[in-house]
Amino acid sequence: DTANFEMVQNLLRKDLLKPPYWFDF
């Protein structure tokens, strides 16, 4: 759900995710 994107934003702020990002909805 959309609330999970807070966790995504945290990982992006800490440079722990690398593009291209693969999401499973």
mmCIF file of all heavy atoms, coordinates in Angstrom:
data_MODEL
# 
_entry.id   MODEL 
# 
loop_
_atom_site.group_PDB 
_atom_site.id 
_atom_site.type_symbol 
_atom_site.label_atom_id 
_atom_site.label_alt_id 
_atom_site.label_comp_id 
_atom_site.label_asym_id 
_atom_site.label_entity_id 
_atom_site.label_seq_id 
_atom_site.pdbx_PDB_ins_code 
_atom_site.Cartn_x 
_atom_site.Cartn_y 
_atom_site.Cartn_z 
_atom_site.occupancy 
_atom_site.B_iso_or_equiv 
_atom_site.pdbx_formal_charge 
_atom_site.auth_seq_id 
_atom_site.auth_comp_id 
_atom_site.auth_asym_id 
_atom_site.auth_atom_id 
_atom_site.pdbx_PDB_model_num 
ATOM 1   N N   . ASP A 1 1  ? 0.852  -1.191 0.000   1.00 0.00 ? 1  ASP A N   1 
ATOM 2   C CA  . ASP A 1 1  ? 0.000  0.000  0.000   1.00 0.00 ? 1  ASP A CA  1 
ATOM 3   C C   . ASP A 1 1  ? 0.892  1.246  0.000   1.00 0.00 ? 1  ASP A C   1 
ATOM 4   O O   . ASP A 1 1  ? 2.109  1.147  0.107   1.00 0.00 ? 1  ASP A O   1 
ATOM 5   C CB  . ASP A 1 1  ? -0.991 0.006  1.170   1.00 0.00 ? 1  ASP A CB  1 
ATOM 6   C CG  . ASP A 1 1  ? -0.325 0.047  2.533   1.00 0.00 ? 1  ASP A CG  1 
ATOM 7   O OD1 . ASP A 1 1  ? 0.716  0.721  2.685   1.00 0.00 ? 1  ASP A OD1 1 
ATOM 8   O OD2 . ASP A 1 1  ? -0.849 -0.592 3.458   1.00 0.00 ? 1  ASP A OD2 1 
ATOM 9   N N   . THR A 1 2  ? 0.290  2.401  -0.112  1.00 0.00 ? 2  THR A N   1 
ATOM 10  C CA  . THR A 1 2  ? 1.062  3.636  -0.235  1.00 0.00 ? 2  THR A CA  1 
ATOM 11  C C   . THR A 1 2  ? 1.908  3.925  0.995   1.00 0.00 ? 2  THR A C   1 
ATOM 12  O O   . THR A 1 2  ? 2.954  4.555  0.892   1.00 0.00 ? 2  THR A O   1 
ATOM 13  C CB  . THR A 1 2  ? 0.137  4.836  -0.523  1.00 0.00 ? 2  THR A CB  1 
ATOM 14  O OG1 . THR A 1 2  ? -0.857 4.913  0.505   1.00 0.00 ? 2  THR A OG1 1 
ATOM 15  C CG2 . THR A 1 2  ? -0.533 4.697  -1.877  1.00 0.00 ? 2  THR A CG2 1 
ATOM 16  N N   . ALA A 1 3  ? 1.486  3.461  2.166   1.00 0.00 ? 3  ALA A N   1 
ATOM 17  C CA  . ALA A 1 3  ? 2.261  3.700  3.384   1.00 0.00 ? 3  ALA A CA  1 
ATOM 18  C C   . ALA A 1 3  ? 3.651  3.066  3.302   1.00 0.00 ? 3  ALA A C   1 
ATOM 19  O O   . ALA A 1 3  ? 4.598  3.553  3.921   1.00 0.00 ? 3  ALA A O   1 
ATOM 20  C CB  . ALA A 1 3  ? 1.515  3.162  4.597   1.00 0.00 ? 3  ALA A CB  1 
ATOM 21  N N   . ASN A 1 4  ? 3.796  1.994  2.525   1.00 0.00 ? 4  ASN A N   1 
ATOM 22  C CA  . ASN A 1 4  ? 5.098  1.335  2.384   1.00 0.00 ? 4  ASN A CA  1 
ATOM 23  C C   . ASN A 1 4  ? 6.130  2.238  1.711   1.00 0.00 ? 4  ASN A C   1 
ATOM 24  O O   . ASN A 1 4  ? 7.336  2.007  1.832   1.00 0.00 ? 4  ASN A O   1 
ATOM 25  C CB  . ASN A 1 4  ? 4.970  0.043  1.593   1.00 0.00 ? 4  ASN A CB  1 
ATOM 26  C CG  . ASN A 1 4  ? 4.121  -1.010 2.267   1.00 0.00 ? 4  ASN A CG  1 
ATOM 27  O OD1 . ASN A 1 4  ? 3.517  -1.836 1.595   1.00 0.00 ? 4  ASN A OD1 1 
ATOM 28  N ND2 . ASN A 1 4  ? 4.042  -1.002 3.586   1.00 0.00 ? 4  ASN A ND2 1 
ATOM 29  N N   . PHE A 1 5  ? 5.683  3.276  1.016   1.00 0.00 ? 5  PHE A N   1 
ATOM 30  C CA  . PHE A 1 5  ? 6.635  4.158  0.343   1.00 0.00 ? 5  PHE A CA  1 
ATOM 31  C C   . PHE A 1 5  ? 7.434  5.011  1.325   1.00 0.00 ? 5  PHE A C   1 
ATOM 32  O O   . PHE A 1 5  ? 8.464  5.556  0.967   1.00 0.00 ? 5  PHE A O   1 
ATOM 33  C CB  . PHE A 1 5  ? 5.941  5.019  -0.715  1.00 0.00 ? 5  PHE A CB  1 
ATOM 34  C CG  . PHE A 1 5  ? 5.671  4.243  -1.973  1.00 0.00 ? 5  PHE A CG  1 
ATOM 35  C CD1 . PHE A 1 5  ? 4.409  3.760  -2.245  1.00 0.00 ? 5  PHE A CD1 1 
ATOM 36  C CD2 . PHE A 1 5  ? 6.699  3.972  -2.869  1.00 0.00 ? 5  PHE A CD2 1 
ATOM 37  C CE1 . PHE A 1 5  ? 4.167  3.018  -3.392  1.00 0.00 ? 5  PHE A CE1 1 
ATOM 38  C CE2 . PHE A 1 5  ? 6.467  3.243  -4.010  1.00 0.00 ? 5  PHE A CE2 1 
ATOM 39  C CZ  . PHE A 1 5  ? 5.194  2.767  -4.278  1.00 0.00 ? 5  PHE A CZ  1 
ATOM 40  N N   . GLU A 1 6  ? 6.968  5.121  2.573   1.00 0.00 ? 6  GLU A N   1 
ATOM 41  C CA  . GLU A 1 6  ? 7.785  5.801  3.597   1.00 0.00 ? 6  GLU A CA  1 
ATOM 42  C C   . GLU A 1 6  ? 9.077  5.015  3.800   1.00 0.00 ? 6  GLU A C   1 
ATOM 43  O O   . GLU A 1 6  ? 10.160 5.585  3.917   1.00 0.00 ? 6  GLU A O   1 
ATOM 44  C CB  . GLU A 1 6  ? 7.019  5.934  4.910   1.00 0.00 ? 6  GLU A CB  1 
ATOM 45  C CG  . GLU A 1 6  ? 7.883  6.405  6.071   1.00 0.00 ? 6  GLU A CG  1 
ATOM 46  C CD  . GLU A 1 6  ? 8.667  7.687  5.820   1.00 0.00 ? 6  GLU A CD  1 
ATOM 47  O OE1 . GLU A 1 6  ? 8.162  8.595  5.123   1.00 0.00 ? 6  GLU A OE1 1 
ATOM 48  O OE2 . GLU A 1 6  ? 9.810  7.789  6.318   1.00 0.00 ? 6  GLU A OE2 1 
ATOM 49  N N   . MET A 1 7  ? 8.980  3.702  3.840   1.00 0.00 ? 7  MET A N   1 
ATOM 50  C CA  . MET A 1 7  ? 10.162 2.845  3.970   1.00 0.00 ? 7  MET A CA  1 
ATOM 51  C C   . MET A 1 7  ? 11.055 2.998  2.734   1.00 0.00 ? 7  MET A C   1 
ATOM 52  O O   . MET A 1 7  ? 12.277 3.070  2.848   1.00 0.00 ? 7  MET A O   1 
ATOM 53  C CB  . MET A 1 7  ? 9.737  1.390  4.151   1.00 0.00 ? 7  MET A CB  1 
ATOM 54  C CG  . MET A 1 7  ? 10.860 0.431  4.381   1.00 0.00 ? 7  MET A CG  1 
ATOM 55  S SD  . MET A 1 7  ? 11.316 0.149  6.096   1.00 0.00 ? 7  MET A SD  1 
ATOM 56  C CE  . MET A 1 7  ? 9.832  -0.462 6.828   1.00 0.00 ? 7  MET A CE  1 
ATOM 57  N N   . VAL A 1 8  ? 10.450 3.053  1.557   1.00 0.00 ? 8  VAL A N   1 
ATOM 58  C CA  . VAL A 1 8  ? 11.209 3.237  0.317   1.00 0.00 ? 8  VAL A CA  1 
ATOM 59  C C   . VAL A 1 8  ? 11.969 4.559  0.372   1.00 0.00 ? 8  VAL A C   1 
ATOM 60  O O   . VAL A 1 8  ? 13.164 4.621  0.051   1.00 0.00 ? 8  VAL A O   1 
ATOM 61  C CB  . VAL A 1 8  ? 10.279 3.201  -0.918  1.00 0.00 ? 8  VAL A CB  1 
ATOM 62  C CG1 . VAL A 1 8  ? 11.018 3.616  -2.182  1.00 0.00 ? 8  VAL A CG1 1 
ATOM 63  C CG2 . VAL A 1 8  ? 9.671  1.805  -1.081  1.00 0.00 ? 8  VAL A CG2 1 
ATOM 64  N N   . GLN A 1 9  ? 11.287 5.631  0.793   1.00 0.00 ? 9  GLN A N   1 
ATOM 65  C CA  . GLN A 1 9  ? 11.939 6.936  0.873   1.00 0.00 ? 9  GLN A CA  1 
ATOM 66  C C   . GLN A 1 9  ? 13.110 6.916  1.846   1.00 0.00 ? 9  GLN A C   1 
ATOM 67  O O   . GLN A 1 9  ? 14.151 7.528  1.598   1.00 0.00 ? 9  GLN A O   1 
ATOM 68  C CB  . GLN A 1 9  ? 10.922 8.018  1.269   1.00 0.00 ? 9  GLN A CB  1 
ATOM 69  C CG  . GLN A 1 9  ? 9.923  8.339  0.177   1.00 0.00 ? 9  GLN A CG  1 
ATOM 70  C CD  . GLN A 1 9  ? 10.596 8.788  -1.104  1.00 0.00 ? 9  GLN A CD  1 
ATOM 71  O OE1 . GLN A 1 9  ? 11.551 9.557  -1.102  1.00 0.00 ? 9  GLN A OE1 1 
ATOM 72  N NE2 . GLN A 1 9  ? 10.107 8.277  -2.232  1.00 0.00 ? 9  GLN A NE2 1 
ATOM 73  N N   . ASN A 1 10 ? 12.963 6.217  2.949   1.00 0.00 ? 10 ASN A N   1 
ATOM 74  C CA  . ASN A 1 10 ? 14.053 6.090  3.906   1.00 0.00 ? 10 ASN A CA  1 
ATOM 75  C C   . ASN A 1 10 ? 15.251 5.397  3.259   1.00 0.00 ? 10 ASN A C   1 
ATOM 76  O O   . ASN A 1 10 ? 16.396 5.841  3.416   1.00 0.00 ? 10 ASN A O   1 
ATOM 77  C CB  . ASN A 1 10 ? 13.591 5.310  5.146   1.00 0.00 ? 10 ASN A CB  1 
ATOM 78  C CG  . ASN A 1 10 ? 14.700 5.131  6.159   1.00 0.00 ? 10 ASN A CG  1 
ATOM 79  O OD1 . ASN A 1 10 ? 15.260 6.100  6.675   1.00 0.00 ? 10 ASN A OD1 1 
ATOM 80  N ND2 . ASN A 1 10 ? 15.050 3.888  6.440   1.00 0.00 ? 10 ASN A ND2 1 
ATOM 81  N N   . LEU A 1 11 ? 15.024 4.323  2.520   1.00 0.00 ? 11 LEU A N   1 
ATOM 82  C CA  . LEU A 1 11 ? 16.116 3.601  1.849   1.00 0.00 ? 11 LEU A CA  1 
ATOM 83  C C   . LEU A 1 11 ? 16.776 4.466  0.769   1.00 0.00 ? 11 LEU A C   1 
ATOM 84  O O   . LEU A 1 11 ? 17.992 4.429  0.592   1.00 0.00 ? 11 LEU A O   1 
ATOM 85  C CB  . LEU A 1 11 ? 15.595 2.292  1.253   1.00 0.00 ? 11 LEU A CB  1 
ATOM 86  C CG  . LEU A 1 11 ? 15.100 1.259  2.266   1.00 0.00 ? 11 LEU A CG  1 
ATOM 87  C CD1 . LEU A 1 11 ? 14.428 0.086  1.553   1.00 0.00 ? 11 LEU A CD1 1 
ATOM 88  C CD2 . LEU A 1 11 ? 16.231 0.782  3.165   1.00 0.00 ? 11 LEU A CD2 1 
ATOM 89  N N   . LEU A 1 12 ? 15.966 5.271  0.084   1.00 0.00 ? 12 LEU A N   1 
ATOM 90  C CA  . LEU A 1 12 ? 16.522 6.177  -0.936  1.00 0.00 ? 12 LEU A CA  1 
ATOM 91  C C   . LEU A 1 12 ? 17.362 7.275  -0.281  1.00 0.00 ? 12 LEU A C   1 
ATOM 92  O O   . LEU A 1 12 ? 18.454 7.597  -0.764  1.00 0.00 ? 12 LEU A O   1 
ATOM 93  C CB  . LEU A 1 12 ? 15.398 6.796  -1.773  1.00 0.00 ? 12 LEU A CB  1 
ATOM 94  C CG  . LEU A 1 12 ? 14.685 5.853  -2.738  1.00 0.00 ? 12 LEU A CG  1 
ATOM 95  C CD1 . LEU A 1 12 ? 13.446 6.527  -3.314  1.00 0.00 ? 12 LEU A CD1 1 
ATOM 96  C CD2 . LEU A 1 12 ? 15.621 5.383  -3.832  1.00 0.00 ? 12 LEU A CD2 1 
ATOM 97  N N   . ARG A 1 13 ? 16.869 7.865  0.820   1.00 0.00 ? 13 ARG A N   1 
ATOM 98  C CA  . ARG A 1 13 ? 17.623 8.911  1.524   1.00 0.00 ? 13 ARG A CA  1 
ATOM 99  C C   . ARG A 1 13 ? 18.988 8.401  1.983   1.00 0.00 ? 13 ARG A C   1 
ATOM 100 O O   . ARG A 1 13 ? 19.968 9.136  1.991   1.00 0.00 ? 13 ARG A O   1 
ATOM 101 C CB  . ARG A 1 13 ? 16.842 9.415  2.742   1.00 0.00 ? 13 ARG A CB  1 
ATOM 102 C CG  . ARG A 1 13 ? 15.751 10.405 2.450   1.00 0.00 ? 13 ARG A CG  1 
ATOM 103 C CD  . ARG A 1 13 ? 15.171 11.030 3.714   1.00 0.00 ? 13 ARG A CD  1 
ATOM 104 N NE  . ARG A 1 13 ? 14.569 10.088 4.625   1.00 0.00 ? 13 ARG A NE  1 
ATOM 105 C CZ  . ARG A 1 13 ? 13.292 9.684  4.575   1.00 0.00 ? 13 ARG A CZ  1 
ATOM 106 N NH1 . ARG A 1 13 ? 12.490 10.160 3.652   1.00 0.00 ? 13 ARG A NH1 1 
ATOM 107 N NH2 . ARG A 1 13 ? 12.833 8.823  5.458   1.00 0.00 ? 13 ARG A NH2 1 
ATOM 108 N N   . LYS A 1 14 ? 19.044 7.136  2.351   1.00 0.00 ? 14 LYS A N   1 
ATOM 109 C CA  . LYS A 1 14 ? 20.290 6.545  2.843   1.00 0.00 ? 14 LYS A CA  1 
ATOM 110 C C   . LYS A 1 14 ? 21.112 5.906  1.723   1.00 0.00 ? 14 LYS A C   1 
ATOM 111 O O   . LYS A 1 14 ? 22.106 5.235  1.985   1.00 0.00 ? 14 LYS A O   1 
ATOM 112 C CB  . LYS A 1 14 ? 19.981 5.537  3.945   1.00 0.00 ? 14 LYS A CB  1 
ATOM 113 C CG  . LYS A 1 14 ? 19.378 6.248  5.147   1.00 0.00 ? 14 LYS A CG  1 
ATOM 114 C CD  . LYS A 1 14 ? 19.205 5.372  6.335   1.00 0.00 ? 14 LYS A CD  1 
ATOM 115 C CE  . LYS A 1 14 ? 18.687 6.257  7.481   1.00 0.00 ? 14 LYS A CE  1 
ATOM 116 N NZ  . LYS A 1 14 ? 18.619 5.560  8.713   1.00 0.00 ? 14 LYS A NZ  1 
ATOM 117 N N   . ASP A 1 15 ? 20.678 6.130  0.473   1.00 0.00 ? 15 ASP A N   1 
ATOM 118 C CA  . ASP A 1 15 ? 21.385 5.640  -0.719  1.00 0.00 ? 15 ASP A CA  1 
ATOM 119 C C   . ASP A 1 15 ? 21.580 4.115  -0.690  1.00 0.00 ? 15 ASP A C   1 
ATOM 120 O O   . ASP A 1 15 ? 22.610 3.597  -1.104  1.00 0.00 ? 15 ASP A O   1 
ATOM 121 C CB  . ASP A 1 15 ? 22.728 6.354  -0.879  1.00 0.00 ? 15 ASP A CB  1 
ATOM 122 C CG  . ASP A 1 15 ? 23.268 6.237  -2.295  1.00 0.00 ? 15 ASP A CG  1 
ATOM 123 O OD1 . ASP A 1 15 ? 22.454 6.173  -3.239  1.00 0.00 ? 15 ASP A OD1 1 
ATOM 124 O OD2 . ASP A 1 15 ? 24.504 6.178  -2.448  1.00 0.00 ? 15 ASP A OD2 1 
ATOM 125 N N   . LEU A 1 16 ? 20.563 3.417  -0.200  1.00 0.00 ? 16 LEU A N   1 
ATOM 126 C CA  . LEU A 1 16 ? 20.641 1.959  -0.126  1.00 0.00 ? 16 LEU A CA  1 
ATOM 127 C C   . LEU A 1 16 ? 19.950 1.268  -1.297  1.00 0.00 ? 16 LEU A C   1 
ATOM 128 O O   . LEU A 1 16 ? 20.129 0.070  -1.500  1.00 0.00 ? 16 LEU A O   1 
ATOM 129 C CB  . LEU A 1 16 ? 20.048 1.473  1.196   1.00 0.00 ? 16 LEU A CB  1 
ATOM 130 C CG  . LEU A 1 16 ? 20.871 1.844  2.427   1.00 0.00 ? 16 LEU A CG  1 
ATOM 131 C CD1 . LEU A 1 16 ? 20.104 1.560  3.706   1.00 0.00 ? 16 LEU A CD1 1 
ATOM 132 C CD2 . LEU A 1 16 ? 22.204 1.112  2.420   1.00 0.00 ? 16 LEU A CD2 1 
ATOM 133 N N   . LEU A 1 17 ? 19.169 2.006  -2.066  1.00 0.00 ? 17 LEU A N   1 
ATOM 134 C CA  . LEU A 1 17 ? 18.548 1.466  -3.276  1.00 0.00 ? 17 LEU A CA  1 
ATOM 135 C C   . LEU A 1 17 ? 19.234 2.056  -4.493  1.00 0.00 ? 17 LEU A C   1 
ATOM 136 O O   . LEU A 1 17 ? 19.533 3.250  -4.522  1.00 0.00 ? 17 LEU A O   1 
ATOM 137 C CB  . LEU A 1 17 ? 17.057 1.804  -3.325  1.00 0.00 ? 17 LEU A CB  1 
ATOM 138 C CG  . LEU A 1 17 ? 16.157 1.112  -2.323  1.00 0.00 ? 17 LEU A CG  1 
ATOM 139 C CD1 . LEU A 1 17 ? 14.722 1.629  -2.460  1.00 0.00 ? 17 LEU A CD1 1 
ATOM 140 C CD2 . LEU A 1 17 ? 16.191 -0.386 -2.501  1.00 0.00 ? 17 LEU A CD2 1 
ATOM 141 N N   . LYS A 1 18 ? 19.465 1.209  -5.501  1.00 0.00 ? 18 LYS A N   1 
ATOM 142 C CA  . LYS A 1 18 ? 20.131 1.648  -6.722  1.00 0.00 ? 18 LYS A CA  1 
ATOM 143 C C   . LYS A 1 18 ? 19.177 1.488  -7.908  1.00 0.00 ? 18 LYS A C   1 
ATOM 144 O O   . LYS A 1 18 ? 18.503 0.466  -8.021  1.00 0.00 ? 18 LYS A O   1 
ATOM 145 C CB  . LYS A 1 18 ? 21.389 0.808  -6.983  1.00 0.00 ? 18 LYS A CB  1 
ATOM 146 C CG  . LYS A 1 18 ? 22.338 0.694  -5.789  1.00 0.00 ? 18 LYS A CG  1 
ATOM 147 C CD  . LYS A 1 18 ? 22.959 2.007  -5.426  1.00 0.00 ? 18 LYS A CD  1 
ATOM 148 C CE  . LYS A 1 18 ? 23.913 1.834  -4.251  1.00 0.00 ? 18 LYS A CE  1 
ATOM 149 N NZ  . LYS A 1 18 ? 24.067 2.980  -3.446  1.00 0.00 ? 18 LYS A NZ  1 
ATOM 150 N N   . PRO A 1 19 ? 19.116 2.497  -8.791  1.00 0.00 ? 19 PRO A N   1 
ATOM 151 C CA  . PRO A 1 19 ? 18.239 2.369  -9.959  1.00 0.00 ? 19 PRO A CA  1 
ATOM 152 C C   . PRO A 1 19 ? 18.817 1.376  -10.969 1.00 0.00 ? 19 PRO A C   1 
ATOM 153 O O   . PRO A 1 19 ? 20.016 1.113  -10.932 1.00 0.00 ? 19 PRO A O   1 
ATOM 154 C CB  . PRO A 1 19 ? 18.221 3.793  -10.525 1.00 0.00 ? 19 PRO A CB  1 
ATOM 155 C CG  . PRO A 1 19 ? 19.467 4.437  -10.033 1.00 0.00 ? 19 PRO A CG  1 
ATOM 156 C CD  . PRO A 1 19 ? 19.821 3.762  -8.733  1.00 0.00 ? 19 PRO A CD  1 
ATOM 157 N N   . PRO A 1 20 ? 17.994 0.818  -11.844 1.00 0.00 ? 20 PRO A N   1 
ATOM 158 C CA  . PRO A 1 20 ? 16.542 0.994  -11.860 1.00 0.00 ? 20 PRO A CA  1 
ATOM 159 C C   . PRO A 1 20 ? 15.911 0.242  -10.695 1.00 0.00 ? 20 PRO A C   1 
ATOM 160 O O   . PRO A 1 20 ? 16.343 -0.840 -10.348 1.00 0.00 ? 20 PRO A O   1 
ATOM 161 C CB  . PRO A 1 20 ? 16.122 0.392  -13.205 1.00 0.00 ? 20 PRO A CB  1 
ATOM 162 C CG  . PRO A 1 20 ? 17.163 -0.630 -13.505 1.00 0.00 ? 20 PRO A CG  1 
ATOM 163 C CD  . PRO A 1 20 ? 18.443 -0.105 -12.909 1.00 0.00 ? 20 PRO A CD  1 
ATOM 164 N N   . TYR A 1 21 ? 14.882 0.840  -10.099 1.00 0.00 ? 21 TYR A N   1 
ATOM 165 C CA  . TYR A 1 21 ? 14.205 0.251  -8.960  1.00 0.00 ? 21 TYR A CA  1 
ATOM 166 C C   . TYR A 1 21 ? 13.126 -0.697 -9.467  1.00 0.00 ? 21 TYR A C   1 
ATOM 167 O O   . TYR A 1 21 ? 12.358 -0.347 -10.355 1.00 0.00 ? 21 TYR A O   1 
ATOM 168 C CB  . TYR A 1 21 ? 13.557 1.337  -8.093  1.00 0.00 ? 21 TYR A CB  1 
ATOM 169 C CG  . TYR A 1 21 ? 14.487 2.485  -7.792  1.00 0.00 ? 21 TYR A CG  1 
ATOM 170 C CD1 . TYR A 1 21 ? 14.270 3.742  -8.339  1.00 0.00 ? 21 TYR A CD1 1 
ATOM 171 C CD2 . TYR A 1 21 ? 15.604 2.307  -6.966  1.00 0.00 ? 21 TYR A CD2 1 
ATOM 172 C CE1 . TYR A 1 21 ? 15.124 4.803  -8.067  1.00 0.00 ? 21 TYR A CE1 1 
ATOM 173 C CE2 . TYR A 1 21 ? 16.464 3.354  -6.690  1.00 0.00 ? 21 TYR A CE2 1 
ATOM 174 C CZ  . TYR A 1 21 ? 16.219 4.595  -7.251  1.00 0.00 ? 21 TYR A CZ  1 
ATOM 175 O OH  . TYR A 1 21 ? 17.071 5.641  -6.990  1.00 0.00 ? 21 TYR A OH  1 
ATOM 176 N N   . TRP A 1 22 ? 13.072 -1.889 -8.905  1.00 0.00 ? 22 TRP A N   1 
ATOM 177 C CA  . TRP A 1 22 ? 12.067 -2.870 -9.306  1.00 0.00 ? 22 TRP A CA  1 
ATOM 178 C C   . TRP A 1 22 ? 11.072 -3.035 -8.161  1.00 0.00 ? 22 TRP A C   1 
ATOM 179 O O   . TRP A 1 22 ? 11.434 -3.466 -7.074  1.00 0.00 ? 22 TRP A O   1 
ATOM 180 C CB  . TRP A 1 22 ? 12.708 -4.214 -9.629  1.00 0.00 ? 22 TRP A CB  1 
ATOM 181 C CG  . TRP A 1 22 ? 11.694 -5.197 -10.119 1.00 0.00 ? 22 TRP A CG  1 
ATOM 182 C CD1 . TRP A 1 22 ? 10.996 -6.091 -9.355  1.00 0.00 ? 22 TRP A CD1 1 
ATOM 183 C CD2 . TRP A 1 22 ? 11.223 -5.347 -11.449 1.00 0.00 ? 22 TRP A CD2 1 
ATOM 184 N NE1 . TRP A 1 22 ? 10.134 -6.807 -10.136 1.00 0.00 ? 22 TRP A NE1 1 
ATOM 185 C CE2 . TRP A 1 22 ? 10.256 -6.365 -11.441 1.00 0.00 ? 22 TRP A CE2 1 
ATOM 186 C CE3 . TRP A 1 22 ? 11.524 -4.724 -12.660 1.00 0.00 ? 22 TRP A CE3 1 
ATOM 187 C CZ2 . TRP A 1 22 ? 9.594  -6.783 -12.583 1.00 0.00 ? 22 TRP A CZ2 1 
ATOM 188 C CZ3 . TRP A 1 22 ? 10.867 -5.141 -13.792 1.00 0.00 ? 22 TRP A CZ3 1 
ATOM 189 C CH2 . TRP A 1 22 ? 9.920  -6.151 -13.754 1.00 0.00 ? 22 TRP A CH2 1 
ATOM 190 N N   . PHE A 1 23 ? 9.821  -2.664 -8.430  1.00 0.00 ? 23 PHE A N   1 
ATOM 191 C CA  . PHE A 1 23 ? 8.772  -2.776 -7.427  1.00 0.00 ? 23 PHE A CA  1 
ATOM 192 C C   . PHE A 1 23 ? 7.784  -3.865 -7.816  1.00 0.00 ? 23 PHE A C   1 
ATOM 193 O O   . PHE A 1 23 ? 7.395  -3.970 -8.977  1.00 0.00 ? 23 PHE A O   1 
ATOM 194 C CB  . PHE A 1 23 ? 8.001  -1.452 -7.295  1.00 0.00 ? 23 PHE A CB  1 
ATOM 195 C CG  . PHE A 1 23 ? 8.787  -0.376 -6.617  1.00 0.00 ? 23 PHE A CG  1 
ATOM 196 C CD1 . PHE A 1 23 ? 9.549  0.509  -7.364  1.00 0.00 ? 23 PHE A CD1 1 
ATOM 197 C CD2 . PHE A 1 23 ? 8.781  -0.262 -5.240  1.00 0.00 ? 23 PHE A CD2 1 
ATOM 198 C CE1 . PHE A 1 23 ? 10.296 1.504  -6.744  1.00 0.00 ? 23 PHE A CE1 1 
ATOM 199 C CE2 . PHE A 1 23 ? 9.526  0.725  -4.614  1.00 0.00 ? 23 PHE A CE2 1 
ATOM 200 C CZ  . PHE A 1 23 ? 10.282 1.612  -5.362  1.00 0.00 ? 23 PHE A CZ  1 
ATOM 201 N N   . ASP A 1 24 ? 7.384  -4.656 -6.830  1.00 0.00 ? 24 ASP A N   1 
ATOM 202 C CA  . ASP A 1 24 ? 6.272  -5.584 -6.970  1.00 0.00 ? 24 ASP A CA  1 
ATOM 203 C C   . ASP A 1 24 ? 5.126  -5.004 -6.163  1.00 0.00 ? 24 ASP A C   1 
ATOM 204 O O   . ASP A 1 24 ? 5.217  -4.920 -4.927  1.00 0.00 ? 24 ASP A O   1 
ATOM 205 C CB  . ASP A 1 24 ? 6.621  -6.973 -6.412  1.00 0.00 ? 24 ASP A CB  1 
ATOM 206 C CG  . ASP A 1 24 ? 7.590  -7.742 -7.279  1.00 0.00 ? 24 ASP A CG  1 
ATOM 207 O OD1 . ASP A 1 24 ? 7.558  -7.572 -8.511  1.00 0.00 ? 24 ASP A OD1 1 
ATOM 208 O OD2 . ASP A 1 24 ? 8.371  -8.536 -6.727  1.00 0.00 ? 24 ASP A OD2 1 
ATOM 209 N N   . PHE A 1 25 ? 4.073  -4.565 -6.839  1.00 0.00 ? 25 PHE A N   1 
ATOM 210 C CA  . PHE A 1 25 ? 2.872  -4.111 -6.152  1.00 0.00 ? 25 PHE A CA  1 
ATOM 211 C C   . PHE A 1 25 ? 2.009  -5.338 -5.893  1.00 0.00 ? 25 PHE A C   1 
ATOM 212 O O   . PHE A 1 25 ? 1.566  -5.999 -6.834  1.00 0.00 ? 25 PHE A O   1 
ATOM 213 C CB  . PHE A 1 25 ? 2.087  -3.119 -7.002  1.00 0.00 ? 25 PHE A CB  1 
ATOM 214 C CG  . PHE A 1 25 ? 2.699  -1.752 -7.113  1.00 0.00 ? 25 PHE A CG  1 
ATOM 215 C CD1 . PHE A 1 25 ? 2.085  -0.801 -7.910  1.00 0.00 ? 25 PHE A CD1 1 
ATOM 216 C CD2 . PHE A 1 25 ? 3.851  -1.398 -6.446  1.00 0.00 ? 25 PHE A CD2 1 
ATOM 217 C CE1 . PHE A 1 25 ? 2.614  0.481  -8.027  1.00 0.00 ? 25 PHE A CE1 1 
ATOM 218 C CE2 . PHE A 1 25 ? 4.394  -0.126 -6.561  1.00 0.00 ? 25 PHE A CE2 1 
ATOM 219 C CZ  . PHE A 1 25 ? 3.769  0.810  -7.352  1.00 0.00 ? 25 PHE A CZ  1 
# 
